[in-house]
N, C-alpha and C. Protein backbone atom coordinates (compact mmCIF):
# COMPACT_ATOMS: atom_id res chain seq x y z
N MET A 1 -17.25 -44.78 24.50
CA MET A 1 -16.24 -45.64 25.08
C MET A 1 -15.10 -44.79 25.61
N CYS A 2 -15.43 -44.07 26.60
CA CYS A 2 -14.47 -43.20 27.24
C CYS A 2 -13.43 -44.05 27.97
N GLY A 3 -12.19 -43.69 27.83
CA GLY A 3 -11.15 -44.39 28.56
C GLY A 3 -10.71 -45.70 27.93
N ALA A 4 -11.22 -46.06 26.72
CA ALA A 4 -10.81 -47.32 26.07
C ALA A 4 -9.36 -47.20 25.64
N THR A 5 -8.62 -48.27 25.81
CA THR A 5 -7.21 -48.26 25.40
C THR A 5 -7.05 -49.08 24.14
N HIS A 6 -6.08 -48.70 23.36
CA HIS A 6 -5.77 -49.39 22.11
C HIS A 6 -4.34 -49.89 22.20
N GLU A 7 -4.16 -51.17 22.03
CA GLU A 7 -2.83 -51.75 22.11
C GLU A 7 -2.07 -51.46 20.83
N VAL A 8 -0.88 -50.91 20.97
CA VAL A 8 -0.02 -50.61 19.84
C VAL A 8 0.89 -51.80 19.58
N ILE A 9 0.90 -52.24 18.33
CA ILE A 9 1.75 -53.37 17.97
C ILE A 9 2.96 -52.83 17.22
N THR A 10 4.13 -53.13 17.70
CA THR A 10 5.36 -52.69 17.06
C THR A 10 5.82 -53.78 16.09
N MET A 11 6.15 -53.35 14.88
CA MET A 11 6.61 -54.29 13.86
C MET A 11 8.11 -54.14 13.68
N ARG A 12 8.79 -55.27 13.50
CA ARG A 12 10.21 -55.26 13.19
C ARG A 12 10.40 -56.21 12.00
N PHE A 13 11.04 -55.71 10.95
CA PHE A 13 11.25 -56.54 9.76
C PHE A 13 12.56 -56.13 9.11
N ASP A 14 13.35 -57.09 8.68
CA ASP A 14 14.60 -56.83 7.98
C ASP A 14 14.32 -56.78 6.49
N PHE A 15 14.24 -55.59 5.92
CA PHE A 15 13.91 -55.41 4.51
C PHE A 15 15.08 -55.71 3.58
N SER A 16 16.22 -56.05 4.10
CA SER A 16 17.34 -56.41 3.22
C SER A 16 17.07 -57.72 2.49
N SER A 17 16.09 -58.50 2.97
CA SER A 17 15.78 -59.77 2.31
C SER A 17 14.70 -59.62 1.23
N VAL A 18 14.20 -58.39 1.02
CA VAL A 18 13.14 -58.15 0.03
C VAL A 18 13.77 -57.55 -1.22
N ASP A 19 13.58 -58.23 -2.34
CA ASP A 19 14.10 -57.72 -3.60
C ASP A 19 13.49 -56.37 -3.92
N ASP A 20 14.29 -55.48 -4.48
CA ASP A 20 13.82 -54.16 -4.86
C ASP A 20 13.40 -54.20 -6.32
N VAL A 21 12.28 -54.88 -6.58
CA VAL A 21 11.80 -55.09 -7.95
C VAL A 21 10.35 -54.65 -8.04
N ASP A 22 10.03 -53.86 -9.09
CA ASP A 22 8.65 -53.49 -9.37
C ASP A 22 8.07 -54.55 -10.31
N SER A 23 7.02 -55.21 -9.89
CA SER A 23 6.42 -56.27 -10.70
C SER A 23 5.16 -55.76 -11.39
N TYR A 24 5.15 -55.88 -12.72
CA TYR A 24 3.98 -55.53 -13.53
C TYR A 24 3.46 -56.79 -14.22
N VAL A 25 3.47 -57.88 -13.49
CA VAL A 25 3.06 -59.18 -14.01
C VAL A 25 1.73 -59.54 -13.37
N PHE A 26 0.71 -59.76 -14.22
CA PHE A 26 -0.64 -60.00 -13.72
C PHE A 26 -1.20 -61.36 -14.10
N VAL A 27 -0.44 -62.12 -14.90
CA VAL A 27 -0.85 -63.46 -15.30
C VAL A 27 0.37 -64.36 -15.26
N PRO A 28 0.19 -65.68 -15.12
CA PRO A 28 1.35 -66.58 -15.13
C PRO A 28 1.94 -66.71 -16.54
N GLU A 29 3.20 -67.08 -16.57
CA GLU A 29 3.89 -67.36 -17.82
C GLU A 29 3.14 -68.47 -18.56
N GLY A 30 3.10 -68.39 -19.90
CA GLY A 30 2.48 -69.43 -20.70
C GLY A 30 1.62 -68.84 -21.80
N GLU A 31 0.73 -69.67 -22.32
CA GLU A 31 -0.15 -69.25 -23.43
C GLU A 31 -1.52 -68.86 -22.90
N HIS A 32 -2.05 -67.79 -23.46
CA HIS A 32 -3.35 -67.27 -23.06
C HIS A 32 -4.13 -66.84 -24.31
N ASN A 33 -5.44 -67.04 -24.29
CA ASN A 33 -6.31 -66.49 -25.33
C ASN A 33 -6.48 -65.01 -25.02
N CYS A 34 -6.10 -64.17 -25.97
CA CYS A 34 -6.09 -62.73 -25.71
C CYS A 34 -6.79 -61.95 -26.82
N ARG A 35 -7.18 -60.74 -26.46
CA ARG A 35 -7.70 -59.78 -27.43
C ARG A 35 -6.85 -58.52 -27.35
N VAL A 36 -6.82 -57.77 -28.43
CA VAL A 36 -6.15 -56.48 -28.42
C VAL A 36 -7.11 -55.50 -27.77
N ALA A 37 -6.77 -55.04 -26.58
CA ALA A 37 -7.66 -54.17 -25.81
C ALA A 37 -7.35 -52.69 -26.00
N ASP A 38 -6.13 -52.39 -26.42
CA ASP A 38 -5.74 -50.99 -26.60
C ASP A 38 -4.59 -50.95 -27.60
N VAL A 39 -4.54 -49.90 -28.41
CA VAL A 39 -3.43 -49.69 -29.34
C VAL A 39 -2.99 -48.24 -29.17
N ARG A 40 -1.70 -48.06 -28.89
CA ARG A 40 -1.14 -46.71 -28.75
C ARG A 40 -0.10 -46.49 -29.84
N GLU A 41 -0.21 -45.36 -30.50
CA GLU A 41 0.72 -45.03 -31.57
C GLU A 41 1.95 -44.34 -31.01
N GLY A 42 3.09 -44.63 -31.62
CA GLY A 42 4.33 -43.99 -31.21
C GLY A 42 5.39 -44.19 -32.28
N THR A 43 6.64 -43.93 -31.92
CA THR A 43 7.75 -44.13 -32.85
C THR A 43 8.86 -44.90 -32.14
N SER A 44 9.58 -45.67 -32.92
CA SER A 44 10.71 -46.43 -32.38
C SER A 44 11.95 -45.54 -32.36
N ARG A 45 13.04 -46.07 -31.81
CA ARG A 45 14.28 -45.29 -31.74
C ARG A 45 14.77 -44.84 -33.10
N ASP A 46 14.51 -45.65 -34.15
CA ASP A 46 14.97 -45.27 -35.49
C ASP A 46 13.97 -44.39 -36.22
N GLY A 47 12.88 -44.00 -35.56
CA GLY A 47 11.88 -43.11 -36.16
C GLY A 47 10.76 -43.83 -36.87
N SER A 48 10.76 -45.16 -36.88
CA SER A 48 9.70 -45.94 -37.54
C SER A 48 8.41 -45.86 -36.71
N VAL A 49 7.29 -46.02 -37.40
CA VAL A 49 6.00 -46.07 -36.71
C VAL A 49 5.95 -47.32 -35.85
N ARG A 50 5.48 -47.14 -34.61
CA ARG A 50 5.35 -48.27 -33.69
C ARG A 50 3.96 -48.23 -33.06
N TRP A 51 3.28 -49.38 -33.09
CA TRP A 51 1.99 -49.52 -32.42
C TRP A 51 2.19 -50.42 -31.21
N SER A 52 1.85 -49.91 -30.03
CA SER A 52 1.94 -50.70 -28.80
C SER A 52 0.58 -51.30 -28.50
N LEU A 53 0.53 -52.61 -28.34
CA LEU A 53 -0.72 -53.33 -28.14
C LEU A 53 -0.83 -53.80 -26.70
N ARG A 54 -1.97 -53.53 -26.08
CA ARG A 54 -2.24 -54.10 -24.75
C ARG A 54 -3.06 -55.36 -24.98
N LEU A 55 -2.52 -56.49 -24.56
CA LEU A 55 -3.17 -57.78 -24.76
C LEU A 55 -3.86 -58.20 -23.48
N GLU A 56 -5.17 -58.41 -23.58
CA GLU A 56 -6.00 -58.74 -22.42
C GLU A 56 -6.48 -60.18 -22.52
N VAL A 57 -6.38 -60.91 -21.42
CA VAL A 57 -6.80 -62.31 -21.38
C VAL A 57 -8.32 -62.39 -21.53
N LEU A 58 -8.78 -63.31 -22.39
CA LEU A 58 -10.20 -63.44 -22.70
C LEU A 58 -10.97 -64.33 -21.74
N ASP A 59 -10.34 -65.40 -21.26
CA ASP A 59 -11.11 -66.40 -20.52
C ASP A 59 -10.29 -67.00 -19.39
N GLY A 60 -10.96 -67.84 -18.60
CA GLY A 60 -10.28 -68.53 -17.51
C GLY A 60 -10.09 -67.65 -16.29
N GLU A 61 -9.26 -68.13 -15.40
CA GLU A 61 -9.02 -67.47 -14.12
C GLU A 61 -8.48 -66.05 -14.27
N TRP A 62 -7.75 -65.80 -15.34
CA TRP A 62 -7.08 -64.51 -15.52
C TRP A 62 -7.84 -63.58 -16.46
N ALA A 63 -9.08 -63.90 -16.82
CA ALA A 63 -9.88 -63.10 -17.75
C ALA A 63 -9.94 -61.65 -17.30
N GLY A 64 -9.73 -60.75 -18.27
CA GLY A 64 -9.80 -59.33 -18.01
C GLY A 64 -8.47 -58.71 -17.59
N ARG A 65 -7.48 -59.53 -17.28
CA ARG A 65 -6.18 -59.00 -16.87
C ARG A 65 -5.29 -58.76 -18.08
N THR A 66 -4.38 -57.84 -17.93
CA THR A 66 -3.40 -57.57 -18.98
C THR A 66 -2.36 -58.68 -18.98
N ALA A 67 -2.23 -59.36 -20.12
CA ALA A 67 -1.22 -60.41 -20.24
C ALA A 67 0.14 -59.77 -20.51
N ALA A 68 0.17 -58.77 -21.39
CA ALA A 68 1.43 -58.11 -21.74
C ALA A 68 1.13 -56.91 -22.63
N TRP A 69 2.11 -56.07 -22.77
CA TRP A 69 2.14 -55.05 -23.82
C TRP A 69 3.12 -55.57 -24.86
N ASP A 70 2.81 -55.38 -26.12
CA ASP A 70 3.70 -55.80 -27.20
C ASP A 70 3.70 -54.70 -28.25
N SER A 71 4.73 -54.66 -29.06
CA SER A 71 4.82 -53.61 -30.07
C SER A 71 4.98 -54.18 -31.46
N LEU A 72 4.36 -53.50 -32.40
CA LEU A 72 4.55 -53.78 -33.83
C LEU A 72 5.31 -52.59 -34.39
N THR A 73 6.50 -52.84 -34.92
CA THR A 73 7.33 -51.78 -35.47
C THR A 73 7.33 -51.88 -37.00
N TRP A 74 6.82 -50.83 -37.64
CA TRP A 74 6.66 -50.80 -39.08
C TRP A 74 7.96 -50.31 -39.74
N SER A 75 9.03 -51.07 -39.55
CA SER A 75 10.32 -50.77 -40.17
C SER A 75 10.64 -51.87 -41.18
N GLU A 76 11.67 -51.67 -41.95
CA GLU A 76 12.08 -52.69 -42.92
C GLU A 76 12.38 -54.00 -42.22
N ARG A 77 13.01 -53.92 -41.07
CA ARG A 77 13.35 -55.12 -40.31
C ARG A 77 12.14 -55.69 -39.55
N GLY A 78 11.29 -54.82 -39.01
CA GLY A 78 10.18 -55.24 -38.17
C GLY A 78 8.97 -55.75 -38.90
N VAL A 79 8.85 -55.45 -40.19
CA VAL A 79 7.63 -55.80 -40.93
C VAL A 79 7.42 -57.32 -41.05
N TYR A 80 8.48 -58.10 -40.92
CA TYR A 80 8.33 -59.56 -40.97
C TYR A 80 7.53 -60.05 -39.76
N ARG A 81 7.83 -59.51 -38.59
CA ARG A 81 7.07 -59.89 -37.40
C ARG A 81 5.67 -59.31 -37.46
N VAL A 82 5.53 -58.09 -37.95
CA VAL A 82 4.21 -57.48 -38.09
C VAL A 82 3.31 -58.40 -38.91
N LYS A 83 3.84 -58.95 -39.99
CA LYS A 83 3.05 -59.84 -40.84
C LYS A 83 2.60 -61.08 -40.05
N LYS A 84 3.51 -61.68 -39.29
CA LYS A 84 3.15 -62.88 -38.51
C LYS A 84 2.07 -62.57 -37.47
N VAL A 85 2.20 -61.43 -36.80
CA VAL A 85 1.23 -61.05 -35.77
C VAL A 85 -0.13 -60.78 -36.40
N LEU A 86 -0.17 -60.00 -37.47
CA LEU A 86 -1.45 -59.67 -38.11
C LEU A 86 -2.13 -60.93 -38.65
N GLU A 87 -1.35 -61.86 -39.18
CA GLU A 87 -1.90 -63.12 -39.67
C GLU A 87 -2.53 -63.91 -38.51
N ALA A 88 -1.83 -63.98 -37.38
CA ALA A 88 -2.36 -64.70 -36.21
C ALA A 88 -3.63 -64.03 -35.68
N LEU A 89 -3.73 -62.72 -35.86
CA LEU A 89 -4.92 -61.99 -35.43
C LEU A 89 -6.09 -62.15 -36.41
N GLY A 90 -5.85 -62.87 -37.51
CA GLY A 90 -6.94 -63.18 -38.44
C GLY A 90 -7.02 -62.30 -39.67
N LEU A 91 -6.03 -61.45 -39.90
CA LEU A 91 -6.06 -60.58 -41.07
C LEU A 91 -5.40 -61.27 -42.27
N ASP A 92 -5.89 -60.95 -43.46
CA ASP A 92 -5.35 -61.52 -44.69
C ASP A 92 -4.10 -60.73 -45.08
N VAL A 93 -2.94 -61.37 -44.97
CA VAL A 93 -1.68 -60.69 -45.26
C VAL A 93 -1.02 -61.26 -46.52
N LYS A 94 -1.82 -61.85 -47.40
CA LYS A 94 -1.26 -62.44 -48.63
C LYS A 94 -0.91 -61.39 -49.67
N GLY A 95 -1.50 -60.22 -49.56
CA GLY A 95 -1.25 -59.14 -50.51
C GLY A 95 -1.19 -57.81 -49.79
N GLU A 96 -1.62 -56.78 -50.47
CA GLU A 96 -1.60 -55.44 -49.90
C GLU A 96 -2.69 -55.31 -48.84
N LEU A 97 -2.37 -54.62 -47.76
CA LEU A 97 -3.30 -54.42 -46.66
C LEU A 97 -3.21 -52.98 -46.20
N GLU A 98 -4.35 -52.33 -46.11
CA GLU A 98 -4.41 -50.97 -45.56
C GLU A 98 -5.06 -51.07 -44.19
N ILE A 99 -4.36 -50.60 -43.18
CA ILE A 99 -4.83 -50.81 -41.81
C ILE A 99 -4.49 -49.61 -40.93
N GLU A 100 -5.36 -49.35 -39.98
CA GLU A 100 -5.15 -48.31 -38.98
C GLU A 100 -5.08 -48.97 -37.60
N PRO A 101 -4.50 -48.30 -36.62
CA PRO A 101 -4.40 -48.90 -35.28
C PRO A 101 -5.75 -49.38 -34.73
N ALA A 102 -6.81 -48.60 -34.92
CA ALA A 102 -8.12 -48.97 -34.39
C ALA A 102 -8.66 -50.25 -34.99
N ASP A 103 -8.17 -50.63 -36.18
CA ASP A 103 -8.62 -51.87 -36.83
C ASP A 103 -8.19 -53.11 -36.04
N LEU A 104 -7.21 -52.96 -35.17
CA LEU A 104 -6.71 -54.10 -34.40
C LEU A 104 -7.52 -54.35 -33.12
N LEU A 105 -8.28 -53.35 -32.68
CA LEU A 105 -9.03 -53.49 -31.44
C LEU A 105 -9.97 -54.69 -31.49
N ASN A 106 -9.93 -55.47 -30.43
CA ASN A 106 -10.76 -56.66 -30.22
C ASN A 106 -10.41 -57.85 -31.11
N LEU A 107 -9.37 -57.75 -31.94
CA LEU A 107 -8.91 -58.94 -32.66
C LEU A 107 -8.28 -59.88 -31.64
N GLN A 108 -8.35 -61.19 -31.91
CA GLN A 108 -7.96 -62.18 -30.92
C GLN A 108 -6.91 -63.15 -31.46
N ALA A 109 -6.09 -63.66 -30.54
CA ALA A 109 -5.07 -64.65 -30.89
C ALA A 109 -4.68 -65.40 -29.61
N ARG A 110 -4.00 -66.51 -29.81
CA ARG A 110 -3.38 -67.26 -28.71
C ARG A 110 -1.99 -66.67 -28.55
N VAL A 111 -1.67 -66.16 -27.35
CA VAL A 111 -0.43 -65.43 -27.15
C VAL A 111 0.39 -66.07 -26.04
N ARG A 112 1.67 -66.25 -26.31
CA ARG A 112 2.60 -66.79 -25.31
C ARG A 112 3.30 -65.62 -24.64
N VAL A 113 3.33 -65.61 -23.31
CA VAL A 113 4.02 -64.55 -22.58
C VAL A 113 5.06 -65.15 -21.65
N ILE A 114 6.18 -64.44 -21.54
CA ILE A 114 7.26 -64.87 -20.65
C ILE A 114 7.75 -63.65 -19.87
N PRO A 115 8.24 -63.87 -18.64
CA PRO A 115 8.71 -62.73 -17.85
C PRO A 115 10.06 -62.23 -18.33
N GLU A 116 10.24 -60.93 -18.17
CA GLU A 116 11.52 -60.31 -18.53
C GLU A 116 11.84 -59.25 -17.49
N GLU A 117 13.05 -59.27 -17.00
CA GLU A 117 13.49 -58.29 -16.02
C GLU A 117 14.36 -57.25 -16.71
N ARG A 118 14.06 -55.98 -16.42
CA ARG A 118 14.84 -54.87 -16.97
C ARG A 118 15.11 -53.85 -15.88
N GLU A 119 16.05 -52.97 -16.15
CA GLU A 119 16.30 -51.86 -15.24
C GLU A 119 15.69 -50.61 -15.85
N ASP A 120 14.87 -49.91 -15.06
CA ASP A 120 14.26 -48.67 -15.53
C ASP A 120 15.37 -47.65 -15.75
N PRO A 121 15.49 -47.07 -16.98
CA PRO A 121 16.58 -46.14 -17.26
C PRO A 121 16.50 -44.84 -16.44
N VAL A 122 15.31 -44.48 -15.98
CA VAL A 122 15.14 -43.24 -15.23
C VAL A 122 15.41 -43.45 -13.75
N THR A 123 14.77 -44.48 -13.17
CA THR A 123 14.87 -44.69 -11.72
C THR A 123 15.98 -45.65 -11.32
N GLY A 124 16.42 -46.50 -12.25
CA GLY A 124 17.43 -47.49 -11.94
C GLY A 124 16.88 -48.71 -11.22
N ARG A 125 15.57 -48.73 -10.98
CA ARG A 125 14.94 -49.87 -10.30
C ARG A 125 14.70 -51.01 -11.28
N LYS A 126 14.78 -52.24 -10.75
CA LYS A 126 14.47 -53.41 -11.57
C LYS A 126 12.96 -53.50 -11.75
N GLN A 127 12.55 -53.89 -12.94
CA GLN A 127 11.13 -54.09 -13.23
C GLN A 127 10.97 -55.45 -13.91
N VAL A 128 9.89 -56.13 -13.57
CA VAL A 128 9.57 -57.39 -14.23
C VAL A 128 8.25 -57.19 -14.96
N ARG A 129 8.25 -57.51 -16.25
CA ARG A 129 7.06 -57.40 -17.10
C ARG A 129 6.98 -58.66 -17.95
N MET A 130 5.78 -58.95 -18.42
CA MET A 130 5.64 -60.05 -19.37
C MET A 130 5.91 -59.50 -20.77
N ARG A 131 6.53 -60.32 -21.59
CA ARG A 131 6.77 -59.95 -22.98
C ARG A 131 6.34 -61.10 -23.87
N VAL A 132 6.09 -60.78 -25.12
CA VAL A 132 5.70 -61.78 -26.12
C VAL A 132 6.92 -62.09 -26.97
N PRO A 133 7.34 -63.37 -27.06
CA PRO A 133 8.48 -63.70 -27.91
C PRO A 133 8.19 -63.38 -29.39
N TYR A 134 9.24 -63.40 -30.21
CA TYR A 134 9.14 -63.05 -31.63
C TYR A 134 8.01 -63.81 -32.32
N LEU A 135 7.92 -65.11 -32.11
CA LEU A 135 6.86 -65.92 -32.71
C LEU A 135 5.85 -66.36 -31.65
N GLY A 136 5.45 -65.44 -30.79
CA GLY A 136 4.58 -65.77 -29.68
C GLY A 136 3.09 -65.69 -29.95
N TYR A 137 2.69 -65.54 -31.20
CA TYR A 137 1.27 -65.46 -31.56
C TYR A 137 0.86 -66.65 -32.40
N ALA A 138 -0.37 -67.12 -32.20
CA ALA A 138 -0.96 -68.18 -33.02
C ALA A 138 -2.44 -67.84 -33.19
N PRO A 139 -3.03 -68.29 -34.29
CA PRO A 139 -4.48 -68.04 -34.46
C PRO A 139 -5.27 -68.67 -33.33
N LEU A 140 -6.30 -68.00 -32.91
CA LEU A 140 -7.19 -68.52 -31.88
C LEU A 140 -8.23 -69.38 -32.56
N LEU A 141 -8.30 -70.65 -32.15
CA LEU A 141 -9.27 -71.56 -32.76
C LEU A 141 -10.66 -71.19 -32.27
N GLU A 142 -11.61 -71.15 -33.19
CA GLU A 142 -12.98 -70.76 -32.83
C GLU A 142 -13.76 -71.87 -32.17
N CYS A 143 -13.33 -73.11 -32.36
CA CYS A 143 -14.04 -74.22 -31.72
C CYS A 143 -13.02 -75.27 -31.31
N ASP A 144 -13.41 -76.10 -30.36
CA ASP A 144 -12.53 -77.18 -29.92
C ASP A 144 -12.40 -78.23 -31.02
N PRO A 145 -11.25 -78.90 -31.11
CA PRO A 145 -11.11 -79.95 -32.10
C PRO A 145 -12.08 -81.10 -31.81
N ALA A 146 -12.47 -81.81 -32.84
CA ALA A 146 -13.39 -82.94 -32.68
C ALA A 146 -12.72 -84.02 -31.84
N PRO A 147 -13.46 -84.65 -30.92
CA PRO A 147 -12.87 -85.69 -30.08
C PRO A 147 -12.59 -86.96 -30.90
N ARG A 148 -11.58 -87.71 -30.46
CA ARG A 148 -11.29 -88.99 -31.09
C ARG A 148 -12.27 -90.02 -30.53
N ASP A 149 -12.37 -91.15 -31.20
CA ASP A 149 -13.27 -92.22 -30.73
C ASP A 149 -12.94 -92.59 -29.30
N GLY A 150 -13.98 -92.63 -28.46
CA GLY A 150 -13.82 -93.04 -27.08
C GLY A 150 -13.42 -91.92 -26.14
N GLU A 151 -13.10 -90.73 -26.67
CA GLU A 151 -12.72 -89.61 -25.81
C GLU A 151 -13.90 -88.67 -25.64
N PRO A 152 -14.05 -88.08 -24.45
CA PRO A 152 -15.12 -87.10 -24.29
C PRO A 152 -14.76 -85.82 -25.02
N PRO A 153 -15.76 -85.01 -25.40
CA PRO A 153 -15.45 -83.71 -26.00
C PRO A 153 -14.56 -82.89 -25.06
N ALA A 154 -13.79 -81.96 -25.63
CA ALA A 154 -12.83 -81.17 -24.85
C ALA A 154 -13.49 -80.46 -23.69
N ALA A 155 -14.72 -79.95 -23.88
CA ALA A 155 -15.41 -79.23 -22.81
C ALA A 155 -15.69 -80.15 -21.62
N GLU A 156 -16.09 -81.40 -21.89
CA GLU A 156 -16.34 -82.35 -20.81
C GLU A 156 -15.05 -82.73 -20.11
N ALA A 157 -13.98 -82.92 -20.88
CA ALA A 157 -12.70 -83.28 -20.30
C ALA A 157 -12.21 -82.18 -19.38
N ALA A 158 -12.42 -80.92 -19.78
CA ALA A 158 -12.00 -79.80 -18.96
C ALA A 158 -12.82 -79.72 -17.68
N ALA A 159 -14.08 -80.13 -17.74
CA ALA A 159 -14.95 -80.06 -16.57
C ALA A 159 -14.57 -81.11 -15.53
N GLU A 160 -13.92 -82.19 -15.95
CA GLU A 160 -13.54 -83.25 -15.03
C GLU A 160 -12.02 -83.43 -15.07
N PRO A 161 -11.26 -82.52 -14.44
CA PRO A 161 -9.81 -82.64 -14.49
C PRO A 161 -9.32 -83.84 -13.71
N ASP A 162 -8.26 -84.43 -14.19
CA ASP A 162 -7.61 -85.55 -13.53
C ASP A 162 -6.58 -84.97 -12.57
N ALA A 163 -6.83 -85.09 -11.29
CA ALA A 163 -5.98 -84.48 -10.27
C ALA A 163 -4.54 -84.96 -10.38
N SER A 164 -4.33 -86.20 -10.82
CA SER A 164 -2.97 -86.71 -10.92
C SER A 164 -2.20 -86.04 -12.05
N GLN A 165 -2.88 -85.43 -13.01
CA GLN A 165 -2.24 -84.79 -14.14
C GLN A 165 -2.09 -83.29 -13.96
N SER A 166 -2.70 -82.70 -12.94
CA SER A 166 -2.68 -81.25 -12.82
C SER A 166 -1.37 -80.78 -12.20
N ALA A 167 -0.88 -79.66 -12.71
CA ALA A 167 0.33 -79.05 -12.18
C ALA A 167 -0.07 -77.86 -11.34
N PRO A 168 0.72 -77.51 -10.37
CA PRO A 168 0.38 -76.34 -9.57
C PRO A 168 0.43 -75.08 -10.43
N LEU A 169 -0.46 -74.14 -10.15
CA LEU A 169 -0.48 -72.89 -10.88
C LEU A 169 0.73 -72.05 -10.51
N ALA A 170 1.23 -71.32 -11.48
CA ALA A 170 2.33 -70.40 -11.22
C ALA A 170 1.82 -69.22 -10.42
N PRO A 171 2.68 -68.58 -9.65
CA PRO A 171 2.21 -67.39 -8.92
C PRO A 171 1.82 -66.31 -9.92
N VAL A 172 0.96 -65.41 -9.49
CA VAL A 172 0.48 -64.35 -10.38
C VAL A 172 1.64 -63.56 -10.94
N ASP A 173 2.65 -63.29 -10.13
CA ASP A 173 3.72 -62.48 -10.69
C ASP A 173 4.65 -63.30 -11.57
N GLY A 174 4.51 -64.63 -11.55
CA GLY A 174 5.10 -65.51 -12.54
C GLY A 174 6.61 -65.50 -12.66
N TRP A 175 7.32 -64.82 -11.83
CA TRP A 175 8.75 -64.65 -12.02
C TRP A 175 9.53 -65.66 -11.22
N ARG A 176 10.49 -66.32 -11.84
CA ARG A 176 11.31 -67.31 -11.16
C ARG A 176 12.81 -67.03 -11.33
N GLY A 177 13.17 -65.94 -11.97
CA GLY A 177 14.57 -65.66 -12.22
C GLY A 177 15.22 -64.86 -11.11
N LYS A 178 16.44 -65.17 -10.74
CA LYS A 178 17.28 -64.44 -9.80
C LYS A 178 16.61 -64.13 -8.47
N GLY A 179 15.50 -64.71 -8.17
CA GLY A 179 14.84 -64.42 -6.91
C GLY A 179 13.54 -65.17 -6.79
N ASP A 180 12.90 -64.98 -5.70
CA ASP A 180 11.65 -65.66 -5.42
C ASP A 180 10.50 -64.72 -5.65
N ALA A 181 9.54 -65.11 -6.49
CA ALA A 181 8.41 -64.25 -6.84
C ALA A 181 7.64 -63.81 -5.61
N SER A 182 7.57 -64.63 -4.60
CA SER A 182 6.78 -64.28 -3.42
C SER A 182 7.39 -63.10 -2.67
N ARG A 183 8.65 -62.79 -2.95
CA ARG A 183 9.29 -61.67 -2.27
C ARG A 183 9.06 -60.36 -2.99
N HIS A 184 8.50 -60.37 -4.19
CA HIS A 184 8.26 -59.14 -4.93
C HIS A 184 7.03 -58.45 -4.39
N ALA A 185 7.06 -57.15 -4.39
CA ALA A 185 5.89 -56.38 -3.96
C ALA A 185 4.78 -56.58 -4.96
N GLN A 186 3.57 -56.75 -4.48
CA GLN A 186 2.42 -56.89 -5.37
C GLN A 186 2.03 -55.51 -5.87
N GLN A 187 1.87 -55.35 -7.17
CA GLN A 187 1.46 -54.09 -7.77
C GLN A 187 0.03 -54.23 -8.25
N LYS A 188 -0.69 -53.14 -8.25
CA LYS A 188 -2.04 -53.14 -8.78
C LYS A 188 -1.98 -52.96 -10.28
N GLU A 189 -2.88 -53.60 -11.01
CA GLU A 189 -2.89 -53.51 -12.46
C GLU A 189 -3.05 -52.08 -12.92
N GLU A 190 -3.74 -51.23 -12.15
CA GLU A 190 -3.91 -49.84 -12.56
C GLU A 190 -2.57 -49.12 -12.63
N ASP A 191 -1.54 -49.63 -11.92
CA ASP A 191 -0.23 -49.01 -11.95
C ASP A 191 0.47 -49.21 -13.29
N GLU A 192 -0.02 -50.12 -14.10
CA GLU A 192 0.62 -50.41 -15.37
C GLU A 192 0.25 -49.37 -16.40
N ASP A 193 1.16 -48.41 -16.60
CA ASP A 193 0.88 -47.38 -17.57
C ASP A 193 2.01 -47.22 -18.57
N PHE A 194 2.88 -48.23 -18.65
CA PHE A 194 3.98 -48.17 -19.59
C PHE A 194 3.73 -49.14 -20.73
N PRO A 195 3.47 -48.65 -21.93
CA PRO A 195 3.19 -49.55 -23.06
C PRO A 195 4.47 -50.06 -23.69
N PHE A 196 5.01 -51.16 -23.16
CA PHE A 196 6.20 -51.79 -23.77
C PHE A 196 5.77 -53.07 -24.42
């Protein structure tokens, strides 16, 4: 194709209307069935042992995506939350428990995640990540509850959604604070390498 011409398209865009926020949000705000997909050992500011957990969604539209990173801090103050989290993950916390980080891998719970905006201390850029509230874990039920008389089983009810009752899905980046989520740059999940 000798002599073929290619039309050049010039783009003009005012970037002052685009928020300067790095988004590490891969699932909508709310509750998700999750498994512990990774555990990283570290220390907290006070020198206590800290385990950072990567929580991965088990099912539904967001299956396989990181819901959030959360931390268990083995300090005098943090052990109360550690107990609640381990109990929700199915461990017996009524007495003494000996546990290693690897023991948490693939344990499952129902986890609530909410967006949180922070400023990166190194770059000064705003970042949005999902976080798990203090009491954001619940045991994952192994089976659906029994239906009441006259109601279809939960699986059948889910298969036939009532359009009048459905709410629109939240955007993937899930952020609604101080700006519009659609204006945030989309980040790839592989970019998430900060265990918070």
